[in-house]
Amino acid sequence: MHTGYGGHPWPQASACLLLCLLAGCSLLSFKSPERPLAPRELNARILSRELASQFMASVGRVGQDIAGTDNDADVLDNTLRWEIAAVTASRRAATQMAPLMSLLDSWALTTQMRSFMADGGAGATLFGSHEPAVRAVTDDYADQIEALARRVLTPHEFDDYQKFVAGYARENPLQDLSFTRVSVIDLWSREKGTNTKLVDSLGTIPEAMADVAQRVQMFGETVPAEAMREAQLTLRESGYAKDDVQSKLKELDERLERLTRVAEASPQMVEQAVGEVRRSLREVLEHLDAATLSATQALRVERAALFADLQAERIAVLAAVDVQRKALAVDAGNLASQVVKSSGEQLRYLAGEVLLLLIALAVVLLGLPFAAGYFVARARFRHSADKTP
């Protein structure tokens, strides 16, 4: 039986209990919504959005060059469709809620666009002589996103992401300039299983506010130009090109000038000229109404898409927080059960040892007088025997 303090298991149990409690505190701190984003996640968010902004600006410049140097109606129509689809898809990929998932989505998109524009791809012959310029912008964006992934991911993560992106682009190629895509996040979560944590932390409140500000700025910089492209494409599909509108305005100016001359020379012919002016104005106003309606519809669609994205992200955040809360409750329950069980075992063990010590002490205290009397009586008996002749 151990009577020394160093052989008793209770100090070790106390130390284990203290470590468990400290671990529990660490768990609570780790799951707090105030935990800031990791540096690599923050870098992935900022740099991927910066690359997306640069790509969208390059798309706009290439589109302007094509519109100013080419007269092929098919090429001009395809250019407008490409500008709209490329800007929309890259913006949606760059504004994912989870920074690493945003990087993954952007990487998958650039790989799809590279394959789409490559020789033999579905978009290899859509831009005529401007194909090299469109391909250069696409390839440059793909190279920069891949380089960013190599910088912020570990070698194991990079290989894992690269394998997924290659398989995704191979199985889900872009078919046309609408850039219809299968959800990257959905496929990733299915492949990795339900235990994969897509969102580790939402960051601090200032980081969340900066995220929203970046989203609003990106939408504000791209939606007006996108609405103009939508209006131009609608006019072209309706049979009215930019030159047609300009010619109508020029014709209107000529008619107004003629009306002025006729009014000065022959007031009787003014009524006929006024009728012609009214018809010209009616045509121009109809064209403007069609363009305005198209722009309004485009803005309405973008606004609905923005609120849908925000609503989906809010639902995803609430779901993630609920999952973390349930996991925390389960961890806390398990920890409490372990502590109670360990404490009960240690208390039972300690009570047994204390009981044994009390029994031993009682035996010693009760047996000591008897032993002393026995030895004293024996000593007197021997002393009396020694004195007897």
Protein backbone atom coordinates (compact mmCIF):
# COMPACT_ATOMS: atom_id res chain seq x y z
CA MET A 1 0.00 0.00 0.00
CA HIS A 2 1.36 3.41 -1.09
CA THR A 3 1.47 5.85 1.75
CA GLY A 4 3.79 8.39 0.13
CA TYR A 5 2.33 11.31 -1.88
CA GLY A 6 4.50 10.64 -4.88
CA GLY A 7 2.97 7.16 -5.47
CA HIS A 8 -0.62 8.36 -5.29
CA PRO A 9 -2.47 8.59 -8.65
CA TRP A 10 -4.61 11.57 -7.60
CA PRO A 11 -2.08 14.30 -8.62
CA GLN A 12 -1.80 12.75 -12.07
CA ALA A 13 -5.59 12.67 -12.35
CA SER A 14 -5.77 16.32 -11.28
CA ALA A 15 -3.23 17.26 -13.91
CA CYS A 16 -5.18 15.38 -16.59
CA LEU A 17 -8.40 17.10 -15.50
CA LEU A 18 -6.71 20.51 -15.69
CA LEU A 19 -5.40 19.76 -19.17
CA CYS A 20 -8.88 18.68 -20.30
CA LEU A 21 -10.38 21.91 -19.00
CA LEU A 22 -7.69 23.95 -20.72
CA ALA A 23 -8.35 22.02 -23.92
CA GLY A 24 -12.04 22.78 -23.55
CA CYS A 25 -11.27 26.50 -23.20
CA SER A 26 -9.11 26.29 -26.31
CA LEU A 27 -11.95 24.61 -28.15
CA LEU A 28 -14.31 27.40 -27.20
CA SER A 29 -11.83 30.01 -28.38
CA PHE A 30 -11.25 28.14 -31.65
CA LYS A 31 -14.93 28.01 -32.53
CA SER A 32 -15.60 31.64 -31.66
CA PRO A 33 -16.90 33.72 -34.59
CA GLU A 34 -14.43 36.41 -33.61
CA ARG A 35 -11.45 34.26 -34.62
CA PRO A 36 -9.65 36.10 -37.45
CA LEU A 37 -8.95 34.48 -40.77
CA ALA A 38 -5.64 32.72 -41.22
CA PRO A 39 -3.09 34.77 -43.18
CA ARG A 40 -3.17 32.43 -46.15
CA GLU A 41 -7.00 32.55 -46.30
CA LEU A 42 -6.97 36.35 -46.19
CA ASN A 43 -4.28 36.43 -48.87
CA ALA A 44 -6.25 33.98 -51.01
CA ARG A 45 -9.37 36.17 -50.77
CA ILE A 46 -7.64 39.46 -51.54
CA LEU A 47 -5.34 38.22 -54.30
CA SER A 48 -7.94 36.08 -56.08
CA ARG A 49 -10.32 39.04 -56.23
CA GLU A 50 -7.53 41.31 -57.42
CA LEU A 51 -6.70 38.87 -60.22
CA ALA A 52 -10.38 38.64 -61.12
CA SER A 53 -10.62 42.45 -61.32
CA GLN A 54 -7.57 42.59 -63.57
CA PHE A 55 -9.02 39.87 -65.79
CA MET A 56 -12.36 41.68 -66.11
CA ALA A 57 -10.56 44.90 -67.04
CA SER A 58 -8.53 43.03 -69.67
CA VAL A 59 -11.72 41.49 -71.07
CA GLY A 60 -13.20 44.99 -71.44
CA ARG A 61 -10.11 46.30 -73.25
CA VAL A 62 -10.04 43.36 -75.67
CA GLY A 63 -13.76 43.78 -76.32
CA GLN A 64 -13.30 47.47 -77.15
CA ASP A 65 -10.43 46.68 -79.52
CA ILE A 66 -12.52 44.08 -81.34
CA ALA A 67 -15.52 46.41 -81.58
CA GLY A 68 -13.33 49.19 -82.99
CA THR A 69 -11.47 47.14 -85.59
CA ASP A 70 -13.86 44.43 -86.78
CA ASN A 71 -17.07 44.65 -88.80
CA ASP A 72 -18.04 40.97 -88.77
CA ALA A 73 -21.46 40.74 -87.11
CA ASP A 74 -20.86 37.23 -85.76
CA VAL A 75 -17.53 38.20 -84.23
CA LEU A 76 -19.03 41.30 -82.61
CA ASP A 77 -21.96 39.32 -81.20
CA ASN A 78 -19.66 36.58 -79.86
CA THR A 79 -17.41 39.22 -78.30
CA LEU A 80 -20.32 40.75 -76.38
CA ARG A 81 -21.47 37.31 -75.21
CA TRP A 82 -17.91 36.45 -74.13
CA GLU A 83 -17.53 39.71 -72.19
CA ILE A 84 -20.81 39.16 -70.34
CA ALA A 85 -20.16 35.50 -69.52
CA ALA A 86 -16.49 35.90 -68.56
CA VAL A 87 -17.14 38.86 -66.24
CA THR A 88 -20.16 37.22 -64.58
CA ALA A 89 -18.47 33.84 -64.05
CA SER A 90 -15.17 35.25 -62.76
CA ARG A 91 -16.98 37.64 -60.40
CA ARG A 92 -19.15 34.85 -59.00
CA ALA A 93 -16.13 32.60 -58.47
CA ALA A 94 -14.09 35.34 -56.79
CA THR A 95 -16.86 36.25 -54.32
CA GLN A 96 -17.37 32.85 -52.72
CA MET A 97 -17.76 33.00 -48.94
CA ALA A 98 -14.85 30.65 -48.13
CA PRO A 99 -11.53 32.10 -49.40
CA LEU A 100 -10.00 28.74 -50.33
CA MET A 101 -13.21 27.66 -52.05
CA SER A 102 -13.15 30.95 -53.97
CA LEU A 103 -9.62 30.14 -55.09
CA LEU A 104 -10.66 26.62 -56.07
CA ASP A 105 -13.66 27.89 -58.05
CA SER A 106 -11.55 30.52 -59.85
CA TRP A 107 -8.93 27.92 -60.67
CA ALA A 108 -11.54 25.55 -62.09
CA LEU A 109 -13.09 28.38 -64.16
CA THR A 110 -9.77 29.45 -65.67
CA THR A 111 -8.98 25.83 -66.57
CA GLN A 112 -12.36 25.51 -68.27
CA MET A 113 -11.85 28.76 -70.20
CA ARG A 114 -8.35 27.73 -71.27
CA SER A 115 -9.72 24.46 -72.66
CA PHE A 116 -12.62 26.32 -74.28
CA MET A 117 -10.27 28.70 -76.14
CA ALA A 118 -7.59 26.11 -77.01
CA ASP A 119 -7.18 24.63 -80.48
CA GLY A 120 -10.02 22.21 -81.04
CA GLY A 121 -12.09 23.74 -78.23
CA ALA A 122 -15.66 24.97 -78.59
CA GLY A 123 -14.54 28.62 -78.67
CA ALA A 124 -11.47 28.31 -80.87
CA THR A 125 -13.12 29.84 -83.97
CA LEU A 126 -15.59 32.32 -82.51
CA PHE A 127 -13.47 35.48 -82.64
CA GLY A 128 -11.89 35.35 -86.09
CA SER A 129 -8.55 37.08 -86.31
CA HIS A 130 -8.84 38.24 -82.69
CA GLU A 131 -8.59 34.70 -81.34
CA PRO A 132 -4.94 35.13 -80.16
CA ALA A 133 -5.84 38.22 -78.09
CA VAL A 134 -8.77 36.49 -76.38
CA ARG A 135 -6.68 33.38 -75.77
CA ALA A 136 -3.79 35.43 -74.33
CA VAL A 137 -6.08 37.09 -71.76
CA THR A 138 -7.57 33.74 -70.75
CA ASP A 139 -4.23 31.94 -70.48
CA ASP A 140 -2.67 34.75 -68.46
CA TYR A 141 -5.52 34.65 -65.95
CA ALA A 142 -5.24 30.85 -65.66
CA ASP A 143 -1.45 31.03 -65.08
CA GLN A 144 -1.82 33.70 -62.39
CA ILE A 145 -4.52 31.79 -60.51
CA GLU A 146 -2.45 28.60 -60.57
CA ALA A 147 0.60 30.52 -59.32
CA LEU A 148 -1.50 32.00 -56.50
CA ALA A 149 -2.71 28.53 -55.52
CA ARG A 150 0.88 27.31 -55.40
CA ARG A 151 1.78 30.19 -53.10
CA VAL A 152 -1.00 29.90 -50.52
CA LEU A 153 -1.54 26.12 -50.42
CA THR A 154 0.68 23.44 -48.94
CA PRO A 155 2.24 20.99 -51.43
CA HIS A 156 -0.23 18.29 -50.42
CA GLU A 157 -3.21 20.65 -50.73
CA PHE A 158 -1.94 21.95 -54.08
CA ASP A 159 -1.75 18.44 -55.51
CA ASP A 160 -5.20 17.65 -54.17
CA TYR A 161 -6.73 20.84 -55.62
CA GLN A 162 -4.93 20.40 -58.94
CA LYS A 163 -6.21 16.85 -59.33
CA PHE A 164 -9.77 17.95 -58.60
CA VAL A 165 -9.58 20.94 -60.99
CA ALA A 166 -8.23 18.79 -63.83
CA GLY A 167 -10.99 16.22 -63.37
CA TYR A 168 -13.67 18.91 -63.07
CA ALA A 169 -12.59 20.71 -66.26
CA ARG A 170 -12.34 17.42 -68.15
CA GLU A 171 -15.78 16.19 -67.10
CA ASN A 172 -17.56 19.59 -67.29
CA PRO A 173 -16.22 21.51 -70.31
CA LEU A 174 -17.74 24.82 -71.36
CA GLN A 175 -20.06 24.22 -74.29
CA ASP A 176 -20.82 27.76 -75.47
CA LEU A 177 -20.47 31.43 -74.59
CA SER A 178 -23.14 31.23 -71.91
CA PHE A 179 -20.49 29.63 -69.64
CA THR A 180 -23.00 27.39 -67.89
CA ARG A 181 -21.13 25.61 -65.09
CA VAL A 182 -21.70 22.84 -62.56
CA SER A 183 -21.22 23.93 -58.94
CA VAL A 184 -17.58 23.44 -57.92
CA ILE A 185 -18.37 23.69 -54.22
CA ASP A 186 -21.07 21.03 -54.43
CA LEU A 187 -18.81 18.57 -56.26
CA TRP A 188 -15.93 19.26 -53.87
CA SER A 189 -18.08 18.63 -50.80
CA ARG A 190 -19.43 15.41 -52.32
CA GLU A 191 -15.97 14.16 -53.18
CA LYS A 192 -14.49 14.97 -49.76
CA GLY A 193 -17.48 13.77 -47.74
CA THR A 194 -19.79 15.39 -45.24
CA ASN A 195 -17.04 15.71 -42.61
CA THR A 196 -15.16 18.25 -44.73
CA LYS A 197 -15.24 21.74 -43.19
CA LEU A 198 -15.80 24.22 -46.04
CA VAL A 199 -15.78 27.28 -43.76
CA ASP A 200 -13.33 27.21 -40.89
CA SER A 201 -13.92 30.79 -39.77
CA LEU A 202 -15.83 33.81 -41.01
CA GLY A 203 -13.23 36.15 -39.58
CA THR A 204 -13.66 39.11 -37.31
CA ILE A 205 -16.34 41.73 -37.77
CA PRO A 206 -13.94 44.18 -39.51
CA GLU A 207 -12.88 41.40 -41.88
CA ALA A 208 -16.51 40.56 -42.66
CA MET A 209 -17.28 44.24 -43.29
CA ALA A 210 -14.26 44.52 -45.59
CA ASP A 211 -15.49 41.42 -47.43
CA VAL A 212 -18.90 42.97 -48.03
CA ALA A 213 -17.29 46.26 -49.13
CA GLN A 214 -15.14 44.40 -51.68
CA ARG A 215 -18.18 42.56 -53.03
CA VAL A 216 -20.19 45.77 -53.40
CA GLN A 217 -17.25 47.52 -55.06
CA MET A 218 -16.76 44.66 -57.52
CA PHE A 219 -20.45 44.64 -58.43
CA GLY A 220 -20.50 48.43 -58.73
CA GLU A 221 -17.54 48.41 -61.11
CA THR A 222 -18.84 45.66 -63.38
CA VAL A 223 -22.66 45.79 -63.42
CA PRO A 224 -23.02 49.11 -65.36
CA ALA A 225 -20.69 47.96 -68.14
CA GLU A 226 -22.39 44.57 -68.14
CA ALA A 227 -25.79 46.23 -68.52
CA MET A 228 -24.51 48.24 -71.48
CA ARG A 229 -23.21 45.07 -73.12
CA GLU A 230 -26.54 43.38 -72.53
CA ALA A 231 -28.32 46.33 -74.14
CA GLN A 232 -25.96 46.32 -77.13
CA LEU A 233 -26.39 42.60 -77.59
CA THR A 234 -30.17 42.93 -77.39
CA LEU A 235 -30.16 45.68 -80.02
CA ARG A 236 -27.94 43.64 -82.30
CA GLU A 237 -30.10 40.56 -81.90
CA SER A 238 -33.14 42.75 -82.73
CA GLY A 239 -31.46 43.91 -85.94
CA TYR A 240 -30.22 47.31 -84.74
CA ALA A 241 -26.49 47.82 -84.64
CA LYS A 242 -24.61 50.83 -83.34
CA ASP A 243 -24.21 52.19 -86.87
CA ASP A 244 -27.96 51.92 -87.41
CA VAL A 245 -28.70 54.09 -84.39
CA GLN A 246 -26.11 56.65 -85.46
CA SER A 247 -27.53 56.73 -88.98
CA LYS A 248 -31.01 57.30 -87.58
CA LEU A 249 -29.78 60.21 -85.49
CA LYS A 250 -27.98 61.64 -88.51
CA GLU A 251 -31.13 61.29 -90.56
CA LEU A 252 -33.03 63.08 -87.82
CA ASP A 253 -30.57 65.99 -87.93
CA GLU A 254 -30.96 66.25 -91.71
CA ARG A 255 -34.72 66.27 -91.43
CA LEU A 256 -34.67 68.98 -88.78
CA GLU A 257 -32.41 71.10 -90.96
CA ARG A 258 -34.70 70.57 -93.93
CA LEU A 259 -37.71 71.50 -91.81
CA THR A 260 -36.03 74.75 -90.87
CA ARG A 261 -35.35 75.65 -94.49
CA VAL A 262 -38.85 74.72 -95.61
CA ALA A 263 -40.44 76.67 -92.77
CA GLU A 264 -38.52 79.75 -93.79
CA ALA A 265 -39.27 79.35 -97.53
CA SER A 266 -42.72 77.80 -97.58
CA PRO A 267 -44.78 77.63 -94.39
CA GLN A 268 -47.36 75.46 -96.19
CA MET A 269 -44.96 72.50 -96.30
CA VAL A 270 -44.16 72.63 -92.58
CA GLU A 271 -46.94 70.24 -91.69
CA GLN A 272 -45.50 67.47 -93.91
CA ALA A 273 -42.01 67.93 -92.46
CA VAL A 274 -43.39 67.83 -88.92
CA GLY A 275 -45.00 64.49 -89.67
CA GLU A 276 -41.68 63.08 -90.89
CA VAL A 277 -39.94 64.37 -87.77
CA ARG A 278 -42.52 62.73 -85.56
CA ARG A 279 -42.01 59.40 -87.30
CA SER A 280 -38.23 59.67 -86.89
CA LEU A 281 -38.55 60.59 -83.23
CA ARG A 282 -40.92 57.69 -82.68
CA GLU A 283 -38.39 55.25 -84.17
CA VAL A 284 -35.54 56.61 -82.07
CA LEU A 285 -37.63 56.53 -78.91
CA GLU A 286 -38.66 52.94 -79.60
CA HIS A 287 -35.01 51.98 -79.94
CA LEU A 288 -34.16 53.82 -76.72
CA ASP A 289 -37.05 52.18 -74.90
CA ALA A 290 -35.86 48.75 -75.99
CA ALA A 291 -32.31 49.50 -74.82
CA THR A 292 -33.57 50.95 -71.52
CA LEU A 293 -35.81 47.95 -70.92
CA SER A 294 -32.94 45.56 -71.60
CA ALA A 295 -30.63 47.47 -69.24
CA THR A 296 -33.32 47.54 -66.54
CA GLN A 297 -33.89 43.81 -66.86
CA ALA A 298 -30.14 43.16 -66.68
CA LEU A 299 -29.85 45.27 -63.52
CA ARG A 300 -32.85 43.47 -62.01
CA VAL A 301 -31.30 40.08 -62.76
CA GLU A 302 -27.95 41.10 -61.28
CA ARG A 303 -29.63 42.51 -58.18
CA ALA A 304 -31.63 39.31 -57.74
CA ALA A 305 -28.45 37.24 -58.23
CA LEU A 306 -26.61 39.36 -55.65
CA PHE A 307 -29.35 39.00 -53.05
CA ALA A 308 -29.64 35.28 -53.83
CA ASP A 309 -25.90 34.87 -53.26
CA LEU A 310 -26.08 36.80 -49.99
CA GLN A 311 -29.10 34.77 -48.87
CA ALA A 312 -27.38 31.50 -49.75
CA GLU A 313 -24.25 32.55 -47.89
CA ARG A 314 -26.31 33.60 -44.86
CA ILE A 315 -28.03 30.21 -44.85
CA ALA A 316 -24.69 28.46 -45.22
CA VAL A 317 -23.22 30.48 -42.34
CA LEU A 318 -26.18 29.68 -40.10
CA ALA A 319 -25.94 26.01 -41.00
CA ALA A 320 -22.19 25.97 -40.32
CA VAL A 321 -22.66 27.74 -36.99
CA ASP A 322 -25.42 25.30 -36.04
CA VAL A 323 -23.21 22.34 -36.91
CA GLN A 324 -20.34 23.79 -34.88
CA ARG A 325 -22.70 24.50 -31.98
CA LYS A 326 -23.94 20.91 -31.98
CA ALA A 327 -20.39 19.60 -32.22
CA LEU A 328 -19.38 21.84 -29.32
CA ALA A 329 -22.31 20.59 -27.24
CA VAL A 330 -21.38 16.98 -27.98
CA ASP A 331 -17.74 17.66 -27.09
CA ALA A 332 -18.77 19.39 -23.86
CA GLY A 333 -21.07 16.50 -22.93
CA ASN A 334 -18.37 13.95 -23.62
CA LEU A 335 -15.85 15.96 -21.63
CA ALA A 336 -18.25 16.31 -18.69
CA SER A 337 -19.00 12.58 -18.75
CA GLN A 338 -15.31 11.74 -18.82
CA VAL A 339 -14.59 14.15 -15.96
CA VAL A 340 -17.43 12.75 -13.83
CA LYS A 341 -16.41 9.18 -14.55
CA SER A 342 -12.74 9.82 -13.84
CA SER A 343 -13.54 11.79 -10.71
CA GLY A 344 -15.82 9.00 -9.40
CA GLU A 345 -13.19 6.35 -9.97
CA GLN A 346 -10.54 8.42 -8.25
CA LEU A 347 -12.83 9.20 -5.32
CA ARG A 348 -13.68 5.52 -4.87
CA TYR A 349 -10.02 4.61 -4.99
CA LEU A 350 -9.13 7.37 -2.52
CA ALA A 351 -11.96 6.33 -0.16
CA GLY A 352 -10.70 2.73 -0.17
CA GLU A 353 -7.19 3.78 0.70
CA VAL A 354 -8.43 6.12 3.42
CA LEU A 355 -10.54 3.31 4.89
CA LEU A 356 -7.56 0.94 4.90
CA LEU A 357 -5.44 3.59 6.59
CA LEU A 358 -8.11 4.13 9.26
CA ILE A 359 -8.35 0.37 9.90
CA ALA A 360 -4.59 0.12 10.21
CA LEU A 361 -4.52 3.12 12.55
CA ALA A 362 -7.29 1.64 14.67
CA VAL A 363 -5.43 -1.67 14.90
CA VAL A 364 -2.27 0.12 15.93
CA LEU A 365 -4.00 2.31 18.51
CA LEU A 366 -6.01 -0.58 20.02
CA GLY A 367 -3.19 -3.11 19.96
CA LEU A 368 -0.49 -0.85 21.34
CA PRO A 369 -1.68 -0.95 25.05
CA PHE A 370 -2.08 -4.71 24.96
CA ALA A 371 1.35 -5.14 23.48
CA ALA A 372 2.89 -2.78 26.04
CA GLY A 373 1.18 -4.63 28.96
CA TYR A 374 2.30 -7.96 27.57
CA PHE A 375 5.93 -6.93 27.29
CA VAL A 376 5.93 -5.22 30.72
CA ALA A 377 4.39 -8.30 32.40
CA ARG A 378 6.87 -10.57 30.66
CA ALA A 379 9.76 -8.42 31.80
CA ARG A 380 8.58 -8.45 35.44
CA PHE A 381 8.09 -12.19 35.33
CA ARG A 382 11.63 -12.71 34.15
CA HIS A 383 12.95 -10.33 36.79
CA SER A 384 11.07 -12.19 39.56
CA ALA A 385 12.33 -15.54 38.29
CA ASP A 386 15.91 -14.29 38.36
CA LYS A 387 15.61 -13.26 42.08
CA THR A 388 14.15 -16.57 43.23
CA PRO A 389 16.95 -18.99 44.54
